[in-house]
């Protein structure tokens, strides 16, 4: 399931749109507990063909950022400096 990702295919060109202003969520990955995920394919996702159907390509994408101090407190995250 795509989170904050809009993909369109025109011919052989895949266009990806991500709203970077979205607040995101804490990462589920235990090795990335310091990150806020802004957009994700949540694993491998098939590239859809123009007009429907599925192409042979797949995509695996995550966009993340470091949390603000407020997000660290709100979500109980730890910072890199806390290790």
C-alpha atoms as a PDB file:
ATOM      1  CA  UNK A   1       0.000   0.000   0.000  1.00  0.00           C
ATOM      2  CA  UNK A   2       1.407   3.340  -1.033  1.00  0.00           C
ATOM      3  CA  UNK A   3       1.790   6.068   1.581  1.00  0.00           C
ATOM      4  CA  UNK A   4       1.819   9.624   0.196  1.00  0.00           C
ATOM      5  CA  UNK A   5       3.034   8.494  -3.247  1.00  0.00           C
ATOM      6  CA  UNK A   6       1.287   9.188  -6.532  1.00  0.00           C
ATOM      7  CA  UNK A   7       2.780   7.368  -9.522  1.00  0.00           C
ATOM      8  CA  UNK A   8       1.791   7.761 -13.152  1.00  0.00           C
ATOM      9  CA  UNK A   9       3.190   6.096 -16.236  1.00  0.00           C
ATOM     10  CA  UNK A  10       3.186   7.704 -19.678  1.00  0.00           C
ATOM     11  CA  UNK A  11       4.710   5.354 -22.219  1.00  0.00           C
ATOM     12  CA  UNK A  12       8.020   4.281 -20.695  1.00  0.00           C
ATOM     13  CA  UNK A  13       8.274   7.221 -18.263  1.00  0.00           C
ATOM     14  CA  UNK A  14       7.355   6.757 -14.602  1.00  0.00           C
ATOM     15  CA  UNK A  15       6.556   9.971 -12.716  1.00  0.00           C
ATOM     16  CA  UNK A  16       6.506   9.966  -8.920  1.00  0.00           C
ATOM     17  CA  UNK A  17       4.867  12.737  -6.880  1.00  0.00           C
ATOM     18  CA  UNK A  18       5.374  13.036  -3.115  1.00  0.00           C
ATOM     19  CA  UNK A  19       3.979  15.799  -0.910  1.00  0.00           C
ATOM     20  CA  UNK A  20       6.965  16.683   1.291  1.00  0.00           C
ATOM     21  CA  UNK A  21       4.771  18.889   3.496  1.00  0.00           C
ATOM     22  CA  UNK A  22       2.931  15.854   4.942  1.00  0.00           C
ATOM     23  CA  UNK A  23       3.744  15.212   8.629  1.00  0.00           C
ATOM     24  CA  UNK A  24       4.692  11.550   8.155  1.00  0.00           C
ATOM     25  CA  UNK A  25       4.961   8.852  10.819  1.00  0.00           C
ATOM     26  CA  UNK A  26       7.720   7.235  12.877  1.00  0.00           C
ATOM     27  CA  UNK A  27       9.599   4.468  11.086  1.00  0.00           C
ATOM     28  CA  UNK A  28       8.517   0.892  11.844  1.00  0.00           C
ATOM     29  CA  UNK A  29      12.056  -0.365  11.189  1.00  0.00           C
ATOM     30  CA  UNK A  30      13.851  -0.956  14.506  1.00  0.00           C
ATOM     31  CA  UNK A  31      17.137   0.163  12.927  1.00  0.00           C
ATOM     32  CA  UNK A  32      15.536   3.441  11.829  1.00  0.00           C
ATOM     33  CA  UNK A  33      13.640   4.462  14.966  1.00  0.00           C
ATOM     34  CA  UNK A  34      15.157   7.939  14.708  1.00  0.00           C
ATOM     35  CA  UNK A  35      13.411   8.694  11.382  1.00  0.00           C
ATOM     36  CA  UNK A  36      10.064  10.086  10.276  1.00  0.00           C
ATOM     37  CA  UNK A  37       8.751   8.392   7.112  1.00  0.00           C
ATOM     38  CA  UNK A  38       7.222  10.967   4.748  1.00  0.00           C
ATOM     39  CA  UNK A  39       6.377   8.512   1.943  1.00  0.00           C
ATOM     40  CA  UNK A  40       6.757   4.779   1.340  1.00  0.00           C
ATOM     41  CA  UNK A  41       5.800   1.944  -0.978  1.00  0.00           C
ATOM     42  CA  UNK A  42       5.933  -0.343   2.104  1.00  0.00           C
ATOM     43  CA  UNK A  43       8.086  -2.851   0.279  1.00  0.00           C
ATOM     44  CA  UNK A  44       8.165  -3.746  -3.390  1.00  0.00           C
ATOM     45  CA  UNK A  45       5.258  -2.366  -5.416  1.00  0.00           C
ATOM     46  CA  UNK A  46       4.475  -3.117  -9.088  1.00  0.00           C
ATOM     47  CA  UNK A  47       4.709  -0.277 -11.598  1.00  0.00           C
ATOM     48  CA  UNK A  48       1.320   0.164 -13.211  1.00  0.00           C
ATOM     49  CA  UNK A  49       1.043   0.540 -16.975  1.00  0.00           C
ATOM     50  CA  UNK A  50      -0.530   3.535 -18.655  1.00  0.00           C
ATOM     51  CA  UNK A  51      -4.251   2.819 -18.986  1.00  0.00           C
ATOM     52  CA  UNK A  52      -4.199  -0.097 -16.498  1.00  0.00           C
ATOM     53  CA  UNK A  53      -2.362  -3.353 -16.109  1.00  0.00           C
ATOM     54  CA  UNK A  54       1.023  -4.039 -14.575  1.00  0.00           C
ATOM     55  CA  UNK A  55       4.458  -3.555 -16.129  1.00  0.00           C
ATOM     56  CA  UNK A  56       7.415  -5.874 -15.516  1.00  0.00           C
ATOM     57  CA  UNK A  57       9.152  -3.263 -13.318  1.00  0.00           C
ATOM     58  CA  UNK A  58       8.701  -2.848  -9.571  1.00  0.00           C
ATOM     59  CA  UNK A  59       9.622  -0.043  -7.197  1.00  0.00           C
ATOM     60  CA  UNK A  60      10.739  -0.007  -3.551  1.00  0.00           C
ATOM     61  CA  UNK A  61      10.879   3.553  -2.205  1.00  0.00           C
ATOM     62  CA  UNK A  62      11.078   5.284   1.164  1.00  0.00           C
ATOM     63  CA  UNK A  63      11.434   9.010   1.809  1.00  0.00           C
ATOM     64  CA  UNK A  64      12.364   9.909   5.350  1.00  0.00           C
ATOM     65  CA  UNK A  65      13.718  12.768   7.419  1.00  0.00           C
ATOM     66  CA  UNK A  66      15.090  13.392  10.873  1.00  0.00           C
ATOM     67  CA  UNK A  67      12.389  14.241  13.439  1.00  0.00           C
ATOM     68  CA  UNK A  68      11.907  17.667  14.958  1.00  0.00           C
ATOM     69  CA  UNK A  69      12.408  18.037  18.712  1.00  0.00           C
ATOM     70  CA  UNK A  70       8.603  18.091  19.121  1.00  0.00           C
ATOM     71  CA  UNK A  71       8.275  14.801  17.192  1.00  0.00           C
ATOM     72  CA  UNK A  72      10.971  13.196  19.347  1.00  0.00           C
ATOM     73  CA  UNK A  73       8.896  14.014  22.432  1.00  0.00           C
ATOM     74  CA  UNK A  74       5.496  13.262  20.844  1.00  0.00           C
ATOM     75  CA  UNK A  75       6.429   9.824  19.491  1.00  0.00           C
ATOM     76  CA  UNK A  76       8.947   8.799  22.153  1.00  0.00           C
ATOM     77  CA  UNK A  77      11.748   8.626  19.580  1.00  0.00           C
ATOM     78  CA  UNK A  78      15.401   8.740  20.399  1.00  0.00           C
ATOM     79  CA  UNK A  79      17.982  10.870  18.636  1.00  0.00           C
ATOM     80  CA  UNK A  80      21.260   9.674  17.158  1.00  0.00           C
ATOM     81  CA  UNK A  81      23.024  11.507  19.997  1.00  0.00           C
ATOM     82  CA  UNK A  82      21.058   9.476  22.595  1.00  0.00           C
ATOM     83  CA  UNK A  83      22.796   6.201  21.685  1.00  0.00           C
END
